[in-house]
Amino acid sequence: MKQGKGSAITLFVFGGIFLAAAIAVLVLTGGDRTFLILGAVIGVMALMFVMLGLAQLMKYKRAKKSISTEGTLANKTYGKAIEYKHFTFSFNKNAEKAVNIAVNTLGVLGVLFGGAGTFVIGSNNNVNDLFVNDDEIIINNQRTNGNLKDKKFIVIPKSQIDALNITSSKNFERVMLTYGPEHREIVMDISSKNFDKEAIKNAFNGLMNKTEIQG
């Protein structure tokens, strides 16, 4: 979470630079109307950077509080209260597409005809955090859940896993996971440039009661 604080500081620095530029334009140009407008515009940009910095700082503080609060998912994972193997990955859109269309269509029909409706996890290119141990898999996207709220984590207990296949390629290990009563499927690509291939495979060994790992 250090990058969150770093982002806030960077935004404050830019805000300071633009504020100094606005003051310089207003003071050194002798009150010319054109430069007054330019100075005002630069001042507004400075304010925007400061506001964004404050928002980022508040997010960082809320995340830090979540990590330090015993019993939260943030405390278990980022706070290391429980031992997990930690990887980063990207959801693979193409590999999920066919399954997602089928399952989401059923979900829409369920909503239209009075059912609850169930939707699979949406794919994206953002980097996600993956925590794995012998009991469960936990997923979080810091961009969409920078506050580290429990409800925005994805928790998959071992008992809900139907199938888990790992296939290797040159640049990544692809983890294909089917879980839950709706048999949801997600596909996670873990970069083998950032993590050891064997370490990735070994991390899932304890979840193999219903799974098969393919080299």
Protein backbone atom coordinates (compact mmCIF):
# COMPACT_ATOMS: atom_id res chain seq x y z
CA MET A 1 0.00 0.00 0.00
CA LYS A 2 3.01 2.30 0.01
CA GLN A 3 2.28 3.22 -3.59
CA GLY A 4 -0.99 4.83 -2.43
CA LYS A 5 0.82 7.23 -0.14
CA GLY A 6 3.42 7.84 -2.84
CA SER A 7 0.70 8.74 -5.35
CA ALA A 8 -0.77 11.26 -2.92
CA ILE A 9 2.62 12.89 -2.37
CA THR A 10 3.21 13.07 -6.13
CA LEU A 11 -0.15 14.78 -6.64
CA PHE A 12 0.64 17.29 -3.88
CA VAL A 13 3.99 18.05 -5.50
CA PHE A 14 2.34 18.71 -8.85
CA GLY A 15 -0.24 20.85 -7.10
CA GLY A 16 2.54 22.90 -5.53
CA ILE A 17 4.33 23.31 -8.85
CA PHE A 18 1.16 24.51 -10.61
CA LEU A 19 0.32 26.83 -7.72
CA ALA A 20 3.79 28.39 -7.89
CA ALA A 21 3.39 28.77 -11.65
CA ALA A 22 0.00 30.45 -11.21
CA ILE A 23 1.40 32.90 -8.68
CA ALA A 24 4.35 33.66 -10.95
CA VAL A 25 2.07 34.34 -13.91
CA LEU A 26 -0.18 36.63 -11.86
CA VAL A 27 2.65 38.55 -10.19
CA LEU A 28 5.18 38.89 -12.99
CA THR A 29 2.89 39.82 -15.87
CA GLY A 30 1.62 43.13 -14.54
CA GLY A 31 -2.07 42.27 -14.47
CA ASP A 32 -2.53 41.73 -18.20
CA ARG A 33 -6.02 40.25 -18.76
CA THR A 34 -4.79 37.37 -20.89
CA PHE A 35 -2.24 36.34 -18.30
CA LEU A 36 -4.78 36.75 -15.51
CA ILE A 37 -6.96 34.18 -17.26
CA LEU A 38 -3.94 31.92 -17.78
CA GLY A 39 -2.98 32.25 -14.13
CA ALA A 40 -6.53 31.41 -13.06
CA VAL A 41 -6.55 28.31 -15.24
CA ILE A 42 -3.22 27.15 -13.83
CA GLY A 43 -4.54 27.86 -10.32
CA VAL A 44 -7.59 25.67 -10.94
CA MET A 45 -5.29 22.88 -12.14
CA ALA A 46 -3.25 23.27 -8.96
CA LEU A 47 -6.44 22.94 -6.90
CA MET A 48 -7.42 19.81 -8.82
CA PHE A 49 -4.08 18.15 -8.09
CA VAL A 50 -4.41 19.01 -4.40
CA MET A 51 -7.97 17.64 -4.23
CA LEU A 52 -6.90 14.43 -5.97
CA GLY A 53 -3.99 14.16 -3.59
CA LEU A 54 -6.30 14.54 -0.59
CA ALA A 55 -8.62 11.86 -1.97
CA GLN A 56 -5.68 9.52 -2.52
CA LEU A 57 -4.37 10.21 0.98
CA MET A 58 -7.76 9.48 2.53
CA LYS A 59 -7.96 6.23 0.58
CA TYR A 60 -4.50 5.31 1.84
CA LYS A 61 -5.48 6.04 5.45
CA ARG A 62 -8.69 3.99 5.18
CA ALA A 63 -6.73 1.10 3.66
CA LYS A 64 -4.13 1.34 6.42
CA LYS A 65 -6.90 1.24 9.04
CA SER A 66 -8.43 -1.83 7.39
CA ILE A 67 -5.07 -3.58 7.39
CA SER A 68 -4.55 -2.87 11.09
CA THR A 69 -8.08 -3.94 12.12
CA GLU A 70 -8.05 -7.51 13.37
CA GLY A 71 -10.41 -9.87 11.57
CA THR A 72 -10.70 -7.94 8.32
CA LEU A 73 -9.73 -9.52 5.01
CA ALA A 74 -7.18 -6.73 4.59
CA ASN A 75 -5.61 -7.71 7.90
CA LYS A 76 -5.55 -11.39 6.92
CA THR A 77 -3.94 -10.74 3.53
CA TYR A 78 -2.03 -7.46 3.24
CA GLY A 79 -1.50 -7.37 7.00
CA LYS A 80 -0.14 -10.94 6.92
CA ALA A 81 -2.17 -12.07 9.93
CA ILE A 82 -2.60 -15.38 8.08
CA GLU A 83 0.01 -16.95 5.84
CA TYR A 84 -0.74 -16.81 2.12
CA LYS A 85 1.27 -17.03 -1.07
CA HIS A 86 0.86 -13.66 -2.76
CA PHE A 87 0.89 -13.19 -6.53
CA THR A 88 -0.33 -10.53 -8.95
CA PHE A 89 -2.24 -11.47 -12.08
CA SER A 90 -4.48 -10.23 -14.89
CA PHE A 91 -7.86 -11.70 -15.80
CA ASN A 92 -7.77 -13.15 -19.31
CA LYS A 93 -10.69 -11.73 -21.31
CA ASN A 94 -10.51 -14.01 -24.32
CA ALA A 95 -10.32 -17.23 -22.35
CA GLU A 96 -13.31 -16.26 -20.22
CA LYS A 97 -15.45 -14.75 -22.98
CA ALA A 98 -17.44 -17.79 -24.11
CA VAL A 99 -18.16 -18.97 -20.59
CA ASN A 100 -19.03 -15.48 -19.35
CA ILE A 101 -21.50 -14.88 -22.18
CA ALA A 102 -23.31 -18.13 -21.41
CA VAL A 103 -23.44 -17.64 -17.66
CA ASN A 104 -24.33 -13.94 -17.81
CA THR A 105 -27.14 -14.67 -20.27
CA LEU A 106 -28.61 -17.11 -17.78
CA GLY A 107 -28.18 -14.47 -15.09
CA VAL A 108 -30.13 -11.89 -17.12
CA LEU A 109 -32.90 -14.36 -17.80
CA GLY A 110 -33.04 -15.17 -14.11
CA VAL A 111 -33.54 -11.50 -13.27
CA LEU A 112 -36.18 -11.00 -15.97
CA PHE A 113 -38.23 -13.99 -14.87
CA GLY A 114 -38.06 -13.38 -11.15
CA GLY A 115 -34.87 -15.19 -10.23
CA ALA A 116 -31.94 -13.76 -8.35
CA GLY A 117 -29.60 -13.78 -11.34
CA THR A 118 -25.92 -14.59 -11.03
CA PHE A 119 -23.05 -12.95 -12.89
CA VAL A 120 -19.47 -14.05 -13.23
CA ILE A 121 -16.54 -11.85 -12.34
CA GLY A 122 -15.95 -9.18 -14.95
CA SER A 123 -12.64 -9.39 -16.78
CA ASN A 124 -10.26 -6.48 -16.97
CA ASN A 125 -6.64 -5.68 -17.70
CA ASN A 126 -5.92 -4.23 -14.27
CA VAL A 127 -3.40 -5.91 -12.03
CA ASN A 128 -5.07 -7.93 -9.27
CA ASP A 129 -3.70 -9.34 -6.02
CA LEU A 130 -4.06 -13.07 -5.47
CA PHE A 131 -3.65 -14.70 -2.05
CA VAL A 132 -3.51 -18.50 -1.88
CA ASN A 133 -3.18 -21.01 0.94
CA ASP A 134 -4.45 -24.55 1.56
CA ASP A 135 -7.87 -23.31 2.69
CA GLU A 136 -8.91 -20.63 0.22
CA ILE A 137 -8.18 -18.19 -2.57
CA ILE A 138 -8.66 -14.44 -2.04
CA ILE A 139 -8.63 -11.87 -4.85
CA ASN A 140 -8.57 -8.08 -4.66
CA ASN A 141 -8.16 -5.28 -7.18
CA GLN A 142 -6.54 -2.28 -5.51
CA ARG A 143 -7.78 0.08 -8.22
CA THR A 144 -11.45 -0.70 -7.58
CA ASN A 145 -11.02 -1.52 -3.88
CA GLY A 146 -8.28 0.83 -2.75
CA ASN A 147 -10.02 1.21 0.62
CA LEU A 148 -9.71 -2.57 1.11
CA LYS A 149 -13.35 -3.06 2.10
CA ASP A 150 -14.23 -6.66 2.96
CA LYS A 151 -17.28 -6.74 0.67
CA LYS A 152 -15.19 -6.03 -2.42
CA PHE A 153 -12.75 -8.91 -1.90
CA ILE A 154 -13.47 -12.16 -3.72
CA VAL A 155 -13.15 -15.12 -1.36
CA ILE A 156 -13.22 -18.67 -2.74
CA PRO A 157 -13.08 -21.39 -0.04
CA LYS A 158 -11.53 -24.73 -0.91
CA SER A 159 -14.91 -26.41 -0.47
CA GLN A 160 -16.36 -24.38 -3.38
CA ILE A 161 -13.66 -25.22 -5.91
CA ASP A 162 -14.85 -27.63 -8.60
CA ALA A 163 -11.83 -27.59 -10.91
CA LEU A 164 -8.44 -25.94 -11.03
CA ASN A 165 -6.15 -26.32 -14.03
CA ILE A 166 -2.76 -24.69 -14.47
CA THR A 167 -1.14 -24.54 -17.90
CA SER A 168 2.27 -23.14 -18.75
CA SER A 169 3.35 -20.79 -21.49
CA LYS A 170 6.54 -18.86 -22.12
CA ASN A 171 5.54 -15.73 -20.21
CA PHE A 172 2.87 -16.80 -17.74
CA GLU A 173 1.13 -19.55 -15.84
CA ARG A 174 -2.59 -19.67 -16.65
CA VAL A 175 -4.84 -20.66 -13.76
CA MET A 176 -8.34 -21.74 -14.85
CA LEU A 177 -10.70 -21.95 -11.91
CA THR A 178 -14.29 -23.19 -11.72
CA TYR A 179 -16.10 -22.72 -8.43
CA GLY A 180 -19.38 -22.21 -6.59
CA PRO A 181 -22.88 -23.58 -7.12
CA GLU A 182 -23.17 -21.63 -10.38
CA HIS A 183 -19.89 -23.15 -11.65
CA ARG A 184 -18.37 -19.75 -12.32
CA GLU A 185 -15.15 -19.74 -14.27
CA ILE A 186 -12.28 -17.27 -14.08
CA VAL A 187 -8.96 -17.35 -15.88
CA MET A 188 -5.92 -15.77 -14.24
CA ASP A 189 -2.60 -15.17 -15.99
CA ILE A 190 0.31 -14.95 -13.53
CA SER A 191 3.50 -13.61 -15.08
CA SER A 192 6.36 -16.09 -14.89
CA LYS A 193 8.72 -13.14 -15.34
CA ASN A 194 7.71 -11.88 -11.91
CA PHE A 195 7.13 -15.20 -10.15
CA ASP A 196 8.79 -18.62 -10.31
CA LYS A 197 6.75 -21.17 -12.28
CA GLU A 198 7.17 -23.91 -9.70
CA ALA A 199 6.28 -21.56 -6.87
CA ILE A 200 3.03 -20.71 -8.65
CA LYS A 201 2.11 -24.38 -9.13
CA ASN A 202 3.13 -25.37 -5.60
CA ALA A 203 0.98 -22.64 -4.09
CA PHE A 204 -2.14 -24.45 -5.32
CA ASN A 205 -1.14 -27.94 -4.13
CA GLY A 206 -3.30 -27.78 -1.02
CA LEU A 207 -6.42 -27.02 -3.07
CA MET A 208 -6.18 -30.20 -5.12
CA ASN A 209 -8.92 -32.22 -3.48
CA LYS A 210 -11.01 -31.74 -6.63
CA THR A 211 -8.41 -30.32 -8.93
CA GLU A 212 -5.88 -31.30 -11.49
CA ILE A 213 -2.71 -29.42 -12.32
CA GLN A 214 -1.42 -29.71 -15.85
CA GLY A 215 2.19 -28.82 -16.68
